[in-house]
Amino acid sequence: MSNNPRLGWCLLALGLTGWACGGNPTALPGVSPTSRPPTAEASTPASATAALTPTEIQETSTLPGPWAEDDAVTIRGSDEFVRRTEEALGLLESQAPEAYEKILTYVEIIEQGEHSGMWAFETPPRYEVGDATAFASLPWYASTIAHDSTHSELYYNYLRAHPGEAVPQEAWAGVESERFCNSYQLGVLALVGGSAGEIDYLAGLSGDHCDLDDDGDCDWDDYNARDW
């Protein structure tokens, strides 16, 4: 598989109708960037103004569920996928232990799938991973797990701060949240041995690349067009 970093990580969540998850009917999982780099710096949509600030994000969270009390992540997929994911988690445990602990808290299942996406609103939270992500370079794959655990952390931080309320998409997967998760991923990628090319690529991303067909929105056509 290619080690091109553009092929392998989970980013923006799409605000599309038709999903009833955790009381939020507009929620969809986070999505990977396109296999091409973003063409321009994204502007922040009005809906992103409600996103949690970095200060709020950094507040201590309560445990999201009983899965956060164990020291394991359930891995589902082919033998090759399971081995690869175990290697990525092992790399994080040894080189980025704080990120590894976050993953244990906010991601219970890592599952091989057709597309990549963080299903933070499922119980327990699940990171679905396409092969282009799982079989990119090992540091890159590891950093995507850290990235998506941060999306899940944002989701649960909102639940903690707003008990009984539906979690708005922009609170955990809007453009501003995406950029925050990118920054976190960038630090982890450096810790786990990401290449200079991967680091430069990630540092240059705008966080706005869900619109694969360039029609001005992020909808099911874009979701189904993903090949990572």
Protein backbone atom coordinates (compact mmCIF):
# COMPACT_ATOMS: atom_id res chain seq x y z
CA MET A 1 0.00 0.00 0.00
CA SER A 2 1.08 3.60 -0.54
CA ASN A 3 2.71 5.55 2.28
CA ASN A 4 1.34 8.81 0.87
CA PRO A 5 -0.05 10.62 3.93
CA ARG A 6 -2.84 12.11 1.86
CA LEU A 7 -4.44 8.67 1.74
CA GLY A 8 -4.86 7.96 5.34
CA TRP A 9 -6.56 9.80 8.15
CA CYS A 10 -9.90 10.64 9.61
CA LEU A 11 -10.98 14.25 9.66
CA LEU A 12 -14.12 16.33 9.22
CA ALA A 13 -17.49 14.99 10.27
CA LEU A 14 -20.32 15.55 7.81
CA GLY A 15 -23.50 17.24 9.04
CA LEU A 16 -25.96 15.14 7.06
CA THR A 17 -29.45 14.00 7.91
CA GLY A 18 -30.60 10.45 8.25
CA TRP A 19 -28.57 9.12 11.17
CA ALA A 20 -30.09 8.71 14.62
CA CYS A 21 -27.11 8.27 16.92
CA GLY A 22 -26.88 9.28 20.56
CA GLY A 23 -29.84 11.59 20.23
CA ASN A 24 -28.20 13.55 17.42
CA PRO A 25 -30.04 12.85 14.13
CA THR A 26 -27.56 14.86 12.06
CA ALA A 27 -24.41 13.07 13.20
CA LEU A 28 -22.08 11.26 10.87
CA PRO A 29 -18.61 9.92 11.62
CA GLY A 30 -15.48 11.90 11.01
CA VAL A 31 -14.12 11.50 7.51
CA SER A 32 -10.69 11.30 5.95
CA PRO A 33 -9.28 14.10 3.81
CA THR A 34 -9.40 13.73 0.10
CA SER A 35 -6.57 11.98 -1.72
CA ARG A 36 -5.64 15.40 -3.03
CA PRO A 37 -4.48 18.28 -0.78
CA PRO A 38 -6.88 21.09 0.05
CA THR A 39 -6.81 23.82 -2.58
CA ALA A 40 -7.24 26.82 -0.30
CA GLU A 41 -7.42 27.82 3.34
CA ALA A 42 -10.92 27.17 4.60
CA SER A 43 -13.06 29.93 6.02
CA THR A 44 -14.84 29.17 9.28
CA PRO A 45 -18.59 28.67 8.80
CA ALA A 46 -21.01 30.37 11.17
CA SER A 47 -21.93 27.01 12.68
CA ALA A 48 -18.36 26.55 13.90
CA THR A 49 -18.59 29.50 16.27
CA ALA A 50 -20.25 27.24 18.87
CA ALA A 51 -17.31 24.84 18.95
CA LEU A 52 -15.52 24.28 22.22
CA THR A 53 -12.47 26.45 22.77
CA PRO A 54 -9.07 24.84 23.49
CA THR A 55 -9.44 25.92 27.14
CA GLU A 56 -12.76 24.12 27.44
CA ILE A 57 -11.36 21.10 25.63
CA GLN A 58 -8.54 20.80 28.15
CA GLU A 59 -10.83 20.63 31.18
CA THR A 60 -10.82 17.31 33.00
CA SER A 61 -13.45 14.99 31.59
CA THR A 62 -15.41 12.38 33.42
CA LEU A 63 -14.97 8.86 32.11
CA PRO A 64 -17.22 8.39 29.09
CA GLY A 65 -18.23 4.81 29.92
CA PRO A 66 -17.16 1.51 31.47
CA TRP A 67 -14.82 0.79 28.55
CA ALA A 68 -12.60 3.64 29.77
CA GLU A 69 -11.75 1.66 32.88
CA ASP A 70 -9.95 -1.15 31.05
CA ASP A 71 -6.49 -1.21 29.50
CA ALA A 72 -7.39 -2.60 26.09
CA VAL A 73 -8.93 -1.67 22.76
CA THR A 74 -11.00 -4.20 20.84
CA ILE A 75 -9.63 -4.64 17.31
CA ARG A 76 -11.83 -6.13 14.59
CA GLY A 77 -10.70 -7.02 11.11
CA SER A 78 -8.40 -9.27 9.12
CA ASP A 79 -5.36 -10.81 10.76
CA GLU A 80 -3.18 -8.33 8.88
CA PHE A 81 -5.29 -5.40 10.06
CA VAL A 82 -5.24 -6.60 13.66
CA ARG A 83 -1.45 -6.95 13.58
CA ARG A 84 -1.03 -3.53 12.02
CA THR A 85 -3.28 -1.89 14.58
CA GLU A 86 -1.50 -3.62 17.45
CA GLU A 87 1.79 -2.30 16.08
CA ALA A 88 0.37 1.23 15.86
CA LEU A 89 -0.94 1.08 19.42
CA GLY A 90 2.36 -0.33 20.63
CA LEU A 91 4.20 2.55 18.98
CA LEU A 92 1.94 5.03 20.72
CA GLU A 93 2.29 3.30 24.08
CA SER A 94 6.08 3.50 23.91
CA GLN A 95 6.60 6.87 22.21
CA ALA A 96 3.45 8.89 23.05
CA PRO A 97 2.06 7.42 26.28
CA GLU A 98 -0.29 10.32 27.00
CA ALA A 99 -1.91 9.90 23.60
CA TYR A 100 -2.15 6.16 24.22
CA GLU A 101 -3.97 6.74 27.51
CA LYS A 102 -6.43 9.05 25.76
CA ILE A 103 -7.14 6.35 23.20
CA LEU A 104 -7.86 3.83 25.96
CA THR A 105 -10.36 6.28 27.42
CA TYR A 106 -12.16 7.52 24.32
CA VAL A 107 -11.89 4.70 21.76
CA GLU A 108 -13.12 1.22 22.63
CA ILE A 109 -13.24 -0.39 19.18
CA ILE A 110 -10.94 -0.04 16.17
CA GLU A 111 -12.54 -1.79 13.24
CA GLN A 112 -11.48 -2.35 9.65
CA GLY A 113 -14.03 -0.88 7.24
CA GLU A 114 -14.70 0.45 3.79
CA HIS A 115 -14.20 4.07 4.87
CA SER A 116 -12.45 5.75 7.77
CA GLY A 117 -14.52 7.55 10.40
CA MET A 118 -14.75 8.17 14.16
CA TRP A 119 -18.13 7.04 15.43
CA ALA A 120 -17.90 8.92 18.72
CA PHE A 121 -21.67 8.88 19.22
CA GLU A 122 -21.85 5.09 19.31
CA THR A 123 -21.78 3.25 22.61
CA PRO A 124 -18.97 2.37 22.90
CA PRO A 125 -17.11 4.76 20.55
CA ARG A 126 -15.66 3.12 17.46
CA TYR A 127 -12.94 4.17 15.04
CA GLU A 128 -13.62 2.64 11.63
CA VAL A 129 -10.47 2.47 9.49
CA GLY A 130 -10.10 2.04 5.75
CA ASP A 131 -7.11 0.14 4.42
CA ALA A 132 -5.52 3.28 2.96
CA THR A 133 -5.24 4.61 6.49
CA ALA A 134 -4.27 1.38 8.22
CA PHE A 135 -1.57 0.50 5.71
CA ALA A 136 -0.02 3.93 5.27
CA SER A 137 3.20 4.38 7.24
CA LEU A 138 2.97 3.08 10.79
CA PRO A 139 3.62 6.51 12.40
CA TRP A 140 0.91 8.03 10.22
CA TYR A 141 -1.65 5.38 11.14
CA ALA A 142 -0.78 5.71 14.81
CA SER A 143 -1.22 9.48 14.66
CA THR A 144 -4.67 9.11 13.10
CA ILE A 145 -5.82 7.03 16.06
CA ALA A 146 -4.66 9.83 18.35
CA HIS A 147 -6.41 12.36 16.13
CA ASP A 148 -9.72 10.56 16.27
CA SER A 149 -9.53 9.88 19.99
CA THR A 150 -9.46 13.67 20.32
CA HIS A 151 -12.70 13.95 18.33
CA SER A 152 -14.25 11.45 20.73
CA GLU A 153 -12.86 13.39 23.70
CA LEU A 154 -14.49 16.57 22.40
CA TYR A 155 -17.79 14.73 22.02
CA TYR A 156 -17.73 13.51 25.60
CA ASN A 157 -16.51 16.85 26.96
CA TYR A 158 -19.60 18.44 25.45
CA LEU A 159 -21.83 15.79 27.02
CA ARG A 160 -20.22 16.46 30.37
CA ALA A 161 -20.64 20.22 30.07
CA HIS A 162 -24.20 20.02 28.68
CA PRO A 163 -25.90 17.03 30.33
CA GLY A 164 -29.05 15.87 28.62
CA GLU A 165 -28.43 17.87 25.44
CA ALA A 166 -27.80 16.54 21.95
CA VAL A 167 -24.20 17.12 20.89
CA PRO A 168 -23.99 19.54 17.94
CA GLN A 169 -21.75 18.49 15.11
CA GLU A 170 -19.58 21.58 15.39
CA ALA A 171 -18.74 20.84 19.03
CA TRP A 172 -16.62 17.84 18.14
CA ALA A 173 -16.13 17.67 14.38
CA GLY A 174 -16.58 21.13 12.91
CA VAL A 175 -13.82 23.05 11.18
CA GLU A 176 -12.42 24.60 14.37
CA SER A 177 -12.50 21.28 16.22
CA GLU A 178 -10.88 19.65 13.22
CA ARG A 179 -8.03 22.10 13.24
CA PHE A 180 -7.55 21.50 16.96
CA CYS A 181 -7.38 17.74 16.37
CA ASN A 182 -4.93 18.31 13.53
CA SER A 183 -2.66 20.23 15.89
CA TYR A 184 -2.80 17.40 18.40
CA GLN A 185 -2.10 14.84 15.70
CA LEU A 186 0.87 16.88 14.52
CA GLY A 187 2.50 16.69 17.94
CA VAL A 188 1.90 12.96 18.19
CA LEU A 189 3.17 12.37 14.66
CA ALA A 190 6.48 14.01 15.59
CA LEU A 191 6.76 11.88 18.73
CA VAL A 192 6.20 8.59 16.92
CA GLY A 193 8.65 9.23 14.10
CA GLY A 194 6.59 10.69 11.29
CA SER A 195 8.56 11.65 8.20
CA ALA A 196 9.30 15.26 7.31
CA GLY A 197 6.95 14.97 4.36
CA GLU A 198 4.09 13.70 6.54
CA ILE A 199 4.65 16.43 9.12
CA ASP A 200 4.79 19.17 6.47
CA TYR A 201 1.68 17.82 4.79
CA LEU A 202 -0.32 17.68 8.01
CA ALA A 203 0.85 21.13 9.08
CA GLY A 204 -0.42 22.56 5.80
CA LEU A 205 -3.95 21.15 5.94
CA SER A 206 -6.86 23.54 6.36
CA GLY A 207 -9.35 21.08 7.82
CA ASP A 208 -11.92 21.70 5.10
CA HIS A 209 -11.77 18.90 2.59
CA CYS A 210 -15.00 16.95 2.93
CA ASP A 211 -16.43 18.45 -0.27
CA LEU A 212 -15.04 15.89 -2.70
CA ASP A 213 -17.22 16.89 -5.64
CA ASP A 214 -16.58 20.62 -5.15
CA ASP A 215 -20.26 21.50 -5.13
CA GLY A 216 -20.12 23.61 -1.99
CA ASP A 217 -21.51 21.12 0.52
CA CYS A 218 -20.61 17.90 2.29
CA ASP A 219 -23.29 15.33 1.71
CA TRP A 220 -23.85 11.64 1.08
CA ASP A 221 -22.36 11.94 -2.40
CA ASP A 222 -19.09 13.04 -0.80
CA TYR A 223 -19.30 10.37 1.89
CA ASN A 224 -19.85 7.59 -0.64
CA ALA A 225 -17.08 8.93 -2.88
CA ARG A 226 -14.37 8.27 -0.32
CA ASP A 227 -11.86 5.59 -1.22
CA TRP A 228 -9.79 5.56 1.98
